[in-house]
N, C-alpha and C. Protein backbone atom coordinates (compact mmCIF):
# COMPACT_ATOMS: atom_id res chain seq x y z
N MET A 1 -33.94 -28.79 18.71
CA MET A 1 -32.94 -28.87 18.50
C MET A 1 -33.22 -28.32 20.18
N SER A 2 -32.59 -28.29 21.02
CA SER A 2 -32.77 -28.17 22.71
C SER A 2 -31.93 -27.05 23.26
N TRP A 3 -31.71 -26.51 23.84
CA TRP A 3 -31.47 -25.01 24.18
C TRP A 3 -29.83 -25.53 24.65
N ALA A 4 -29.49 -26.62 25.73
CA ALA A 4 -27.85 -27.55 25.42
C ALA A 4 -27.66 -27.22 24.57
N ALA A 5 -28.29 -27.97 23.39
CA ALA A 5 -27.66 -28.25 22.00
C ALA A 5 -26.99 -27.51 21.02
N GLY A 6 -28.03 -26.11 21.00
CA GLY A 6 -27.55 -24.97 20.51
C GLY A 6 -26.15 -24.34 21.19
N LYS A 7 -26.40 -24.26 22.51
CA LYS A 7 -25.50 -23.50 23.42
C LYS A 7 -23.74 -24.19 22.79
N ALA A 8 -23.76 -25.37 22.98
CA ALA A 8 -22.99 -26.57 23.00
C ALA A 8 -22.55 -26.08 21.16
N SER A 9 -23.44 -26.18 20.48
CA SER A 9 -23.42 -25.81 18.85
C SER A 9 -22.87 -24.21 18.25
N LEU A 10 -23.06 -23.52 18.94
CA LEU A 10 -22.39 -22.02 19.19
C LEU A 10 -21.08 -21.74 19.91
N GLN A 11 -21.12 -22.56 20.45
CA GLN A 11 -19.66 -22.53 21.56
C GLN A 11 -18.64 -22.91 20.90
N ALA A 12 -19.09 -24.39 19.67
CA ALA A 12 -17.74 -24.74 18.73
C ALA A 12 -17.90 -23.99 18.00
N ALA A 13 -18.39 -23.46 17.64
CA ALA A 13 -18.06 -22.65 16.13
C ALA A 13 -17.39 -21.28 16.59
N LEU A 14 -17.72 -21.19 17.68
CA LEU A 14 -16.15 -19.65 18.72
C LEU A 14 -15.66 -20.17 18.86
N VAL A 15 -15.01 -21.31 19.10
CA VAL A 15 -13.79 -22.00 19.04
C VAL A 15 -13.00 -21.97 17.69
N ALA A 16 -14.14 -23.00 16.71
CA ALA A 16 -13.28 -22.97 15.30
C ALA A 16 -13.07 -21.71 14.17
N LEU A 17 -13.64 -20.14 15.14
CA LEU A 17 -13.46 -18.88 14.17
C LEU A 17 -12.25 -18.56 14.89
N VAL A 18 -12.26 -19.17 16.35
CA VAL A 18 -10.71 -18.20 17.25
C VAL A 18 -9.40 -18.72 16.51
N LEU A 19 -9.65 -20.43 16.80
CA LEU A 19 -8.04 -21.14 16.07
C LEU A 19 -8.14 -20.94 14.69
N VAL A 20 -9.31 -21.00 13.21
CA VAL A 20 -9.02 -20.35 12.44
C VAL A 20 -8.36 -19.07 12.48
N GLY A 21 -8.18 -17.41 13.60
CA GLY A 21 -8.19 -16.22 13.36
C GLY A 21 -6.66 -16.68 13.56
N CYS A 22 -6.61 -17.92 14.30
CA CYS A 22 -4.77 -17.49 15.13
C CYS A 22 -3.91 -18.50 14.21
N GLY A 23 -3.57 -18.46 13.19
CA GLY A 23 -3.26 -19.15 12.22
C GLY A 23 -1.80 -18.79 11.89
N THR A 24 -1.01 -19.57 11.17
CA THR A 24 0.71 -18.91 11.83
C THR A 24 0.88 -18.07 10.54
N PRO A 25 1.86 -17.38 11.38
CA PRO A 25 2.45 -16.26 10.53
C PRO A 25 3.39 -16.56 9.24
N PRO A 26 3.19 -15.64 8.10
CA PRO A 26 3.74 -16.09 6.72
C PRO A 26 5.14 -15.66 6.62
N PRO A 27 5.42 -16.78 5.79
CA PRO A 27 7.26 -18.00 5.64
C PRO A 27 8.14 -16.30 6.06
N THR A 28 9.29 -16.54 6.75
CA THR A 28 10.44 -15.55 6.62
C THR A 28 10.16 -14.99 5.25
N GLY A 29 10.70 -13.31 4.80
CA GLY A 29 11.07 -13.35 3.66
C GLY A 29 9.69 -12.53 2.84
N VAL A 30 9.02 -12.92 3.15
CA VAL A 30 7.26 -12.83 2.73
C VAL A 30 6.70 -11.24 2.60
N GLU A 31 7.24 -11.26 3.36
CA GLU A 31 6.89 -9.44 4.08
C GLU A 31 7.56 -8.76 4.98
N VAL A 32 8.37 -8.02 5.40
CA VAL A 32 9.08 -7.35 6.65
C VAL A 32 7.88 -6.23 7.32
N PRO A 33 7.29 -6.39 8.54
CA PRO A 33 6.28 -5.74 8.96
C PRO A 33 6.92 -4.30 8.75
N GLY A 34 6.09 -2.86 9.31
CA GLY A 34 6.37 -1.82 9.37
C GLY A 34 5.68 -1.01 8.19
N ILE A 35 4.87 -1.65 7.54
CA ILE A 35 3.97 -0.93 6.70
C ILE A 35 2.24 -1.72 7.27
N ALA A 36 1.41 -0.36 7.72
CA ALA A 36 0.65 -1.02 8.54
C ALA A 36 -0.74 -1.35 7.38
N TYR A 37 -0.91 -0.59 6.41
CA TYR A 37 -1.56 -0.80 5.39
C TYR A 37 -1.11 -0.22 4.51
N VAL A 38 -1.69 -1.12 2.99
CA VAL A 38 -1.92 0.04 1.93
C VAL A 38 -2.88 -0.47 0.94
N ASN A 39 -3.39 1.23 0.68
CA ASN A 39 -4.97 0.77 0.03
C ASN A 39 -4.82 0.77 -1.55
N GLU A 40 -5.24 0.90 -2.53
CA GLU A 40 -5.09 0.97 -4.01
C GLU A 40 -6.27 1.78 -4.46
N ARG A 41 -6.20 2.07 -5.24
CA ARG A 41 -7.39 2.69 -6.46
C ARG A 41 -7.16 3.64 -7.32
N ARG A 42 -8.19 3.82 -8.81
CA ARG A 42 -7.95 4.62 -9.90
C ARG A 42 -8.64 6.24 -9.30
N ARG A 43 -8.12 7.25 -9.42
CA ARG A 43 -8.45 8.37 -8.90
C ARG A 43 -9.03 9.52 -10.25
N SER A 44 -9.97 9.60 -9.91
CA SER A 44 -10.15 10.91 -11.22
C SER A 44 -10.19 12.12 -11.11
N GLU A 45 -9.72 13.01 -12.10
CA GLU A 45 -9.42 14.66 -11.56
C GLU A 45 -10.34 15.04 -10.50
N ALA A 46 -11.63 14.84 -10.73
CA ALA A 46 -13.14 14.61 -9.54
C ALA A 46 -12.65 14.51 -8.37
N ASP A 47 -11.98 13.25 -8.27
CA ASP A 47 -11.49 12.29 -7.33
C ASP A 47 -10.71 13.27 -6.32
N VAL A 48 -9.34 13.96 -7.10
CA VAL A 48 -8.46 14.38 -6.49
C VAL A 48 -8.23 16.10 -5.98
N ALA A 49 -9.80 16.84 -6.94
CA ALA A 49 -10.11 17.99 -6.45
C ALA A 49 -10.25 17.96 -4.88
N ARG A 50 -9.76 19.27 -4.34
CA ARG A 50 -10.54 19.55 -2.88
C ARG A 50 -11.15 21.20 -2.53
N ALA A 51 -12.16 21.01 -2.31
CA ALA A 51 -13.06 22.42 -2.16
C ALA A 51 -12.39 23.30 -1.78
N SER A 52 -11.16 23.11 -0.93
CA SER A 52 -10.28 24.56 -0.86
C SER A 52 -9.88 25.14 -1.89
N GLU A 53 -9.34 24.14 -3.35
CA GLU A 53 -8.81 25.04 -4.18
C GLU A 53 -9.90 25.89 -5.07
N ALA A 54 -11.01 25.94 -4.70
CA ALA A 54 -11.99 27.13 -5.14
C ALA A 54 -11.26 28.59 -4.47
N PHE A 55 -10.52 28.30 -3.11
CA PHE A 55 -10.40 29.79 -2.72
C PHE A 55 -9.30 29.78 -2.69
N HIS A 56 -7.93 28.72 -3.01
CA HIS A 56 -6.56 29.29 -3.22
C HIS A 56 -6.15 28.91 -4.39
N ALA A 57 -5.35 29.42 -4.62
CA ALA A 57 -4.80 29.29 -6.18
C ALA A 57 -4.03 27.94 -6.12
N LYS A 58 -2.99 27.58 -4.60
CA LYS A 58 -2.18 25.91 -4.94
C LYS A 58 -3.10 25.04 -4.18
N GLU A 59 -2.43 23.85 -4.49
CA GLU A 59 -2.95 22.74 -4.06
C GLU A 59 -2.78 22.59 -2.59
N HIS A 60 -3.57 21.83 -2.00
CA HIS A 60 -3.32 21.72 -0.80
C HIS A 60 -3.48 20.27 0.22
N HIS A 61 -2.83 19.65 0.51
CA HIS A 61 -2.57 18.13 0.82
C HIS A 61 -3.42 17.65 2.24
N GLY A 62 -3.51 18.92 3.11
CA GLY A 62 -3.54 17.88 4.30
C GLY A 62 -2.33 17.77 5.20
N ASP A 63 -2.83 16.67 5.63
CA ASP A 63 -1.74 16.17 5.92
C ASP A 63 -1.31 14.54 5.61
N ASP A 64 -1.36 15.10 4.37
CA ASP A 64 -0.86 13.70 3.66
C ASP A 64 0.16 13.91 2.87
N VAL A 65 1.14 12.92 2.87
CA VAL A 65 2.34 13.65 1.87
C VAL A 65 2.19 12.93 0.81
N VAL A 66 1.74 13.92 -0.47
CA VAL A 66 1.60 13.43 -2.09
C VAL A 66 2.98 13.44 -3.12
N PHE A 67 3.28 12.54 -3.34
CA PHE A 67 3.89 11.93 -4.51
C PHE A 67 2.88 11.52 -5.98
N ARG A 68 3.78 11.81 -7.09
CA ARG A 68 3.18 11.65 -8.41
C ARG A 68 4.62 11.03 -9.15
N THR A 69 4.17 10.58 -10.06
CA THR A 69 5.26 10.02 -11.42
C THR A 69 5.35 11.12 -12.19
N GLU A 70 4.11 11.91 -12.63
CA GLU A 70 4.33 12.94 -13.20
C GLU A 70 3.35 14.10 -12.60
N GLU A 71 3.85 15.29 -11.86
CA GLU A 71 3.60 16.04 -10.98
C GLU A 71 2.85 16.74 -10.97
N ASN A 72 2.73 16.73 -12.15
CA ASN A 72 1.70 18.50 -12.39
C ASN A 72 0.39 17.41 -13.26
N VAL A 73 -0.07 16.35 -12.97
CA VAL A 73 -0.73 15.32 -13.89
C VAL A 73 -1.00 14.62 -12.41
N ARG A 74 -2.92 14.77 -12.41
CA ARG A 74 -3.54 14.53 -11.15
C ARG A 74 -4.06 13.45 -11.18
N PRO A 75 -4.88 13.49 -12.29
CA PRO A 75 -5.61 11.57 -12.31
C PRO A 75 -5.28 10.80 -12.79
N GLY A 76 -5.26 9.45 -11.87
CA GLY A 76 -4.08 7.97 -11.87
C GLY A 76 -4.72 7.38 -11.18
N TYR A 77 -3.41 6.10 -10.96
CA TYR A 77 -3.76 5.09 -9.79
C TYR A 77 -2.85 5.34 -8.89
N TYR A 78 -3.70 5.36 -7.45
CA TYR A 78 -2.66 6.15 -6.39
C TYR A 78 -2.48 4.25 -5.44
N PHE A 79 -1.86 4.52 -4.82
CA PHE A 79 -1.26 4.05 -3.72
C PHE A 79 -1.49 4.75 -1.96
N PHE A 80 -2.27 4.29 -0.92
CA PHE A 80 -2.20 5.05 0.22
C PHE A 80 -1.65 4.17 1.10
N VAL A 81 -0.40 4.65 1.80
CA VAL A 81 0.41 4.01 2.43
C VAL A 81 0.42 4.36 3.94
N LYS A 82 0.13 3.72 4.89
CA LYS A 82 -0.14 4.20 6.15
C LYS A 82 1.74 3.26 6.97
N LEU A 83 2.95 3.56 7.52
CA LEU A 83 3.92 2.72 8.30
C LEU A 83 3.32 2.85 9.33
N ASP A 84 3.62 2.61 9.95
CA ASP A 84 4.36 1.78 11.64
C ASP A 84 5.26 2.19 12.24
N ILE A 85 6.22 2.52 11.03
CA ILE A 85 7.73 3.13 11.60
C ILE A 85 8.09 4.50 10.85
N ASP A 86 9.03 5.00 11.43
CA ASP A 86 9.88 6.35 11.01
C ASP A 86 11.08 5.91 10.44
N PRO A 87 10.78 6.16 8.45
CA PRO A 87 11.90 5.43 8.36
C PRO A 87 13.63 6.90 8.46
N PRO A 88 13.87 6.28 7.98
CA PRO A 88 15.32 7.25 8.38
C PRO A 88 15.34 8.62 7.52
N ALA A 89 15.78 9.66 7.76
CA ALA A 89 16.10 10.76 7.17
C ALA A 89 16.31 10.57 5.50
N ASP A 90 17.20 9.81 5.52
CA ASP A 90 18.12 9.08 3.74
C ASP A 90 16.97 8.17 3.47
N GLY A 91 16.48 7.46 3.62
CA GLY A 91 15.26 6.56 3.72
C GLY A 91 14.33 6.79 2.29
N ARG A 92 14.14 6.03 1.25
CA ARG A 92 12.72 5.90 0.32
C ARG A 92 11.60 5.16 0.28
N LEU A 93 10.94 5.28 -0.16
CA LEU A 93 9.25 4.44 -0.56
C LEU A 93 9.18 4.32 -1.99
N VAL A 94 9.78 2.88 -2.02
CA VAL A 94 9.40 2.17 -3.04
C VAL A 94 8.49 1.24 -3.79
N VAL A 95 7.82 2.04 -4.88
CA VAL A 95 6.74 0.90 -5.64
C VAL A 95 7.11 0.68 -7.03
N GLU A 96 6.93 -0.88 -6.45
CA GLU A 96 7.49 -1.98 -7.52
C GLU A 96 5.97 -2.32 -8.26
N VAL A 97 5.61 -2.12 -9.93
CA VAL A 97 4.42 -2.45 -10.42
C VAL A 97 4.25 -3.26 -11.69
N VAL A 98 3.56 -4.05 -11.70
CA VAL A 98 3.72 -5.39 -12.77
C VAL A 98 2.85 -5.26 -13.71
N ARG A 99 2.99 -4.47 -14.59
CA ARG A 99 1.82 -4.49 -15.95
C ARG A 99 1.43 -5.28 -16.37
N THR A 100 2.10 -6.26 -17.13
CA THR A 100 1.26 -7.15 -18.03
C THR A 100 2.42 -8.66 -17.19
N GLU A 101 1.82 -9.91 -16.98
CA GLU A 101 2.39 -10.87 -16.74
C GLU A 101 3.69 -11.05 -17.66
N ASN A 102 4.72 -12.01 -17.37
CA ASN A 102 5.63 -12.44 -17.75
C ASN A 102 6.69 -10.92 -18.04
N VAL A 103 6.60 -9.83 -17.74
CA VAL A 103 7.19 -8.52 -17.67
C VAL A 103 8.38 -8.22 -16.46
N ALA A 104 9.25 -8.28 -15.90
CA ALA A 104 9.93 -7.00 -15.18
C ALA A 104 9.16 -5.93 -14.71
N PRO A 105 9.37 -6.06 -13.15
CA PRO A 105 8.59 -4.64 -12.84
C PRO A 105 8.72 -3.36 -12.71
N GLU A 106 8.17 -2.64 -12.71
CA GLU A 106 8.38 -0.91 -13.07
C GLU A 106 8.74 -0.95 -11.59
N ARG A 107 9.57 -0.31 -11.45
CA ARG A 107 10.25 0.94 -9.87
C ARG A 107 10.03 2.21 -9.90
N TYR A 108 9.56 2.99 -8.95
CA TYR A 108 9.26 4.79 -8.56
C TYR A 108 9.68 4.10 -6.93
N ASP A 109 10.64 5.23 -7.12
CA ASP A 109 11.00 5.91 -5.87
C ASP A 109 11.05 7.03 -5.00
N PHE A 110 10.90 7.19 -4.25
CA PHE A 110 10.12 8.65 -3.68
C PHE A 110 11.05 8.63 -2.52
N ALA A 111 11.61 10.13 -1.89
CA ALA A 111 12.22 10.06 -0.53
C ALA A 111 11.27 10.45 0.14
N VAL A 112 11.75 9.75 1.67
CA VAL A 112 10.37 10.03 2.87
C VAL A 112 11.11 11.32 3.49
N ASN A 113 11.88 12.06 3.06
CA ASN A 113 12.10 13.05 4.32
C ASN A 113 11.42 13.93 4.58
N LEU A 114 9.80 13.71 4.42
CA LEU A 114 8.85 14.51 4.54
C LEU A 114 7.65 13.59 5.26
N LYS A 115 7.54 14.10 6.48
CA LYS A 115 6.73 12.93 7.19
C LYS A 115 5.06 12.96 7.35
N PRO A 116 4.16 12.10 7.17
CA PRO A 116 2.81 12.74 7.36
C PRO A 116 2.20 12.88 8.46
N GLY A 117 0.76 13.84 8.48
CA GLY A 117 0.77 14.40 9.77
C GLY A 117 0.39 13.23 10.80
N ARG A 118 0.14 13.21 11.88
CA ARG A 118 0.07 12.02 12.71
C ARG A 118 -1.93 12.95 13.48
N PRO A 119 -2.66 11.87 13.26
CA PRO A 119 -3.01 10.26 13.46
C PRO A 119 -2.90 10.03 12.04
N PHE A 120 -3.74 10.86 11.27
CA PHE A 120 -3.74 10.37 9.68
C PHE A 120 -3.77 10.11 8.50
N GLY A 121 -2.41 11.11 8.67
CA GLY A 121 -1.87 11.35 7.21
C GLY A 121 -1.30 10.30 7.17
N GLU A 122 -1.20 10.14 5.60
CA GLU A 122 -0.56 8.99 5.22
C GLU A 122 0.04 9.57 3.89
N PHE A 123 1.10 8.37 3.00
CA PHE A 123 1.84 8.53 2.38
C PHE A 123 0.59 8.63 0.60
N VAL A 124 0.60 9.36 -0.17
CA VAL A 124 -0.36 9.19 -1.36
C VAL A 124 0.33 8.82 -2.57
N ILE A 125 1.27 7.74 -3.28
CA ILE A 125 1.86 7.60 -4.34
C ILE A 125 1.05 7.83 -5.30
N GLY A 126 1.07 7.92 -6.18
CA GLY A 126 0.06 8.38 -8.02
C GLY A 126 0.68 7.92 -9.01
N LEU A 127 0.79 6.87 -9.79
CA LEU A 127 0.87 6.74 -11.11
C LEU A 127 -0.01 7.86 -12.12
N THR A 128 0.79 8.25 -12.37
CA THR A 128 -0.04 9.72 -13.38
C THR A 128 0.43 9.61 -14.30
N GLY A 129 -0.49 10.49 -15.35
CA GLY A 129 0.17 10.75 -16.91
C GLY A 129 0.88 9.11 -17.58
N LYS A 130 1.72 8.88 -17.87
CA LYS A 130 1.63 8.27 -19.24
C LYS A 130 1.93 6.42 -17.66
N GLN A 131 2.49 6.81 -16.96
CA GLN A 131 2.07 5.63 -16.00
C GLN A 131 0.60 5.06 -15.53
N ALA A 132 -0.16 5.85 -15.97
CA ALA A 132 -1.33 6.23 -14.82
C ALA A 132 -2.20 4.56 -15.57
N GLY A 133 -1.29 4.59 -17.54
CA GLY A 133 -2.86 3.80 -17.98
C GLY A 133 -3.45 3.55 -18.07
N SER A 134 -4.45 2.65 -19.11
CA SER A 134 -5.62 3.59 -19.45
C SER A 134 -6.76 3.81 -18.04
N ALA A 135 -7.47 4.30 -18.38
CA ALA A 135 -8.89 4.49 -17.23
C ALA A 135 -9.19 3.25 -16.79
N ASN A 136 -9.10 1.56 -16.97
CA ASN A 136 -9.96 0.53 -16.57
C ASN A 136 -8.53 0.11 -16.00
N TRP A 137 -7.27 0.73 -16.66
CA TRP A 137 -5.92 -0.72 -16.03
C TRP A 137 -5.85 -0.62 -14.54
N ARG A 138 -5.90 -1.70 -14.33
CA ARG A 138 -4.86 -1.93 -12.37
C ARG A 138 -4.10 -2.63 -12.52
N PRO A 139 -2.94 -2.29 -11.64
CA PRO A 139 -1.62 -3.46 -12.47
C PRO A 139 -1.85 -4.89 -11.56
N VAL A 140 -0.95 -6.05 -12.45
CA VAL A 140 -1.33 -7.52 -12.14
C VAL A 140 -1.00 -8.09 -10.81
N ALA A 141 0.21 -6.73 -10.31
CA ALA A 141 0.58 -7.43 -9.02
C ALA A 141 1.43 -5.81 -8.37
N TRP A 142 1.57 -5.74 -6.85
CA TRP A 142 2.68 -4.58 -6.61
C TRP A 142 3.73 -5.24 -5.06
N ARG A 143 4.11 -3.93 -5.24
CA ARG A 143 5.02 -4.62 -4.10
C ARG A 143 5.30 -2.78 -3.39
N VAL A 144 4.76 -2.53 -2.22
CA VAL A 144 5.28 -1.41 -1.46
C VAL A 144 6.64 -1.80 -0.31
N SER A 145 7.50 -0.54 -0.41
CA SER A 145 8.93 -0.89 0.56
C SER A 145 9.17 0.18 1.17
N VAL A 146 9.59 0.63 1.80
CA VAL A 146 10.43 1.34 2.82
C VAL A 146 12.61 1.00 2.74
N VAL A 147 13.16 1.56 2.24
CA VAL A 147 14.40 0.95 1.88
C VAL A 147 15.25 2.23 2.81
N ASP A 148 16.24 1.59 3.39
CA ASP A 148 17.11 2.81 3.96
C ASP A 148 18.28 3.45 2.58
N GLY A 149 19.17 4.45 3.15
CA GLY A 149 19.92 5.33 2.17
C GLY A 149 20.61 4.05 1.44
N LYS A 150 21.46 3.07 2.13
CA LYS A 150 21.63 2.21 1.15
C LYS A 150 21.44 0.87 0.62
N GLY A 151 19.97 1.38 0.67
CA GLY A 151 19.42 0.12 -0.23
C GLY A 151 18.21 -1.23 0.60
N ARG A 152 18.43 -1.21 2.05
CA ARG A 152 18.05 -2.46 3.16
C ARG A 152 16.71 -2.22 2.84
N PHE A 153 15.82 -3.28 2.55
CA PHE A 153 14.47 -3.35 2.80
C PHE A 153 14.50 -3.37 4.96
N LEU A 154 13.46 -2.09 4.68
CA LEU A 154 13.26 -1.91 6.50
C LEU A 154 11.51 -1.83 6.48
N ALA A 155 10.54 -2.60 5.54
CA ALA A 155 9.41 -2.45 5.71
C ALA A 155 9.19 -3.15 4.36
N SER A 156 8.73 -3.98 3.75
CA SER A 156 7.65 -4.49 2.85
C SER A 156 6.09 -5.00 2.88
N ARG A 157 5.01 -4.64 2.06
CA ARG A 157 4.04 -5.20 1.84
C ARG A 157 3.62 -5.51 0.33
N HIS A 158 3.09 -6.52 -0.40
CA HIS A 158 3.14 -6.84 -1.67
C HIS A 158 1.34 -6.93 -1.84
N SER A 159 1.00 -6.86 -2.87
CA SER A 159 0.02 -7.59 -3.45
C SER A 159 -0.28 -9.13 -3.36
N PHE A 160 -1.49 -9.91 -3.70
CA PHE A 160 -1.38 -11.05 -3.69
C PHE A 160 -0.98 -12.36 -4.31
N LEU A 161 -1.16 -11.03 -5.53
CA LEU A 161 -0.49 -12.19 -6.85
C LEU A 161 1.79 -11.61 -7.19
N TRP A 162 2.53 -10.68 -5.82
CA TRP A 162 3.38 -10.08 -5.88
C TRP A 162 4.68 -11.60 -6.18
N GLY A 163 4.27 -12.57 -5.53
CA GLY A 163 5.33 -13.69 -5.94
C GLY A 163 5.42 -14.87 -5.09
N THR A 164 6.38 -16.12 -4.73
CA THR A 164 5.98 -16.95 -3.93
C THR A 164 6.93 -16.59 -2.48
N PRO A 165 6.78 -17.02 -1.08
CA PRO A 165 7.72 -17.06 -0.69
C PRO A 165 9.45 -17.32 -1.56
N LEU A 166 9.43 -18.23 -2.01
CA LEU A 166 10.61 -18.32 -2.38
C LEU A 166 11.25 -17.22 -3.51
N ASP A 167 10.40 -17.26 -4.60
CA ASP A 167 10.72 -15.84 -5.20
C ASP A 167 11.37 -14.50 -4.30
N LEU A 168 10.30 -14.11 -3.29
CA LEU A 168 10.86 -12.80 -2.00
C LEU A 168 12.12 -13.20 -1.78
N GLU A 169 13.02 -14.74 -1.58
CA GLU A 169 13.93 -14.74 -1.02
C GLU A 169 14.69 -14.76 -1.49
N ARG A 170 14.84 -14.53 -3.14
CA ARG A 170 15.77 -14.74 -4.28
C ARG A 170 16.15 -13.33 -4.66
N ARG A 171 15.54 -11.89 -4.46
CA ARG A 171 15.41 -10.48 -4.36
C ARG A 171 16.67 -10.20 -4.13
């Protein structure tokens, strides 16, 4: 292959990558922007322990705001949420989880009157105790939303299997 042909192939590949990266935005009603990211993972007792606890009697969260479904139980399934918006003082952070197919989602909500420290703090939401499920359990689908005091959605992000755009518009 000649140098010119190789260069033309590279340019064509770059143009294709740019066009693929500029896809259409999701349909209206799928997600309401305002949540930068949601990461999820299971955490054991060792995962949630901090070195500072060896010196202090109480748990220290740093810049994070931590919520748990059972406050005194630490191992469980956690969602790490970073917001792009400042929720109102009466706002709520809502986590909905589908445990098994064809079952209505479970809903957990928490007041967002405390704010994580900037720039690295997150809202950390733990399904702990009975809500954590077995050691291998993962939700079938989930949605994290920020709502105001009247229940209006301000921001939302969900897993791939949460629903179709038509399902979400009916909520």
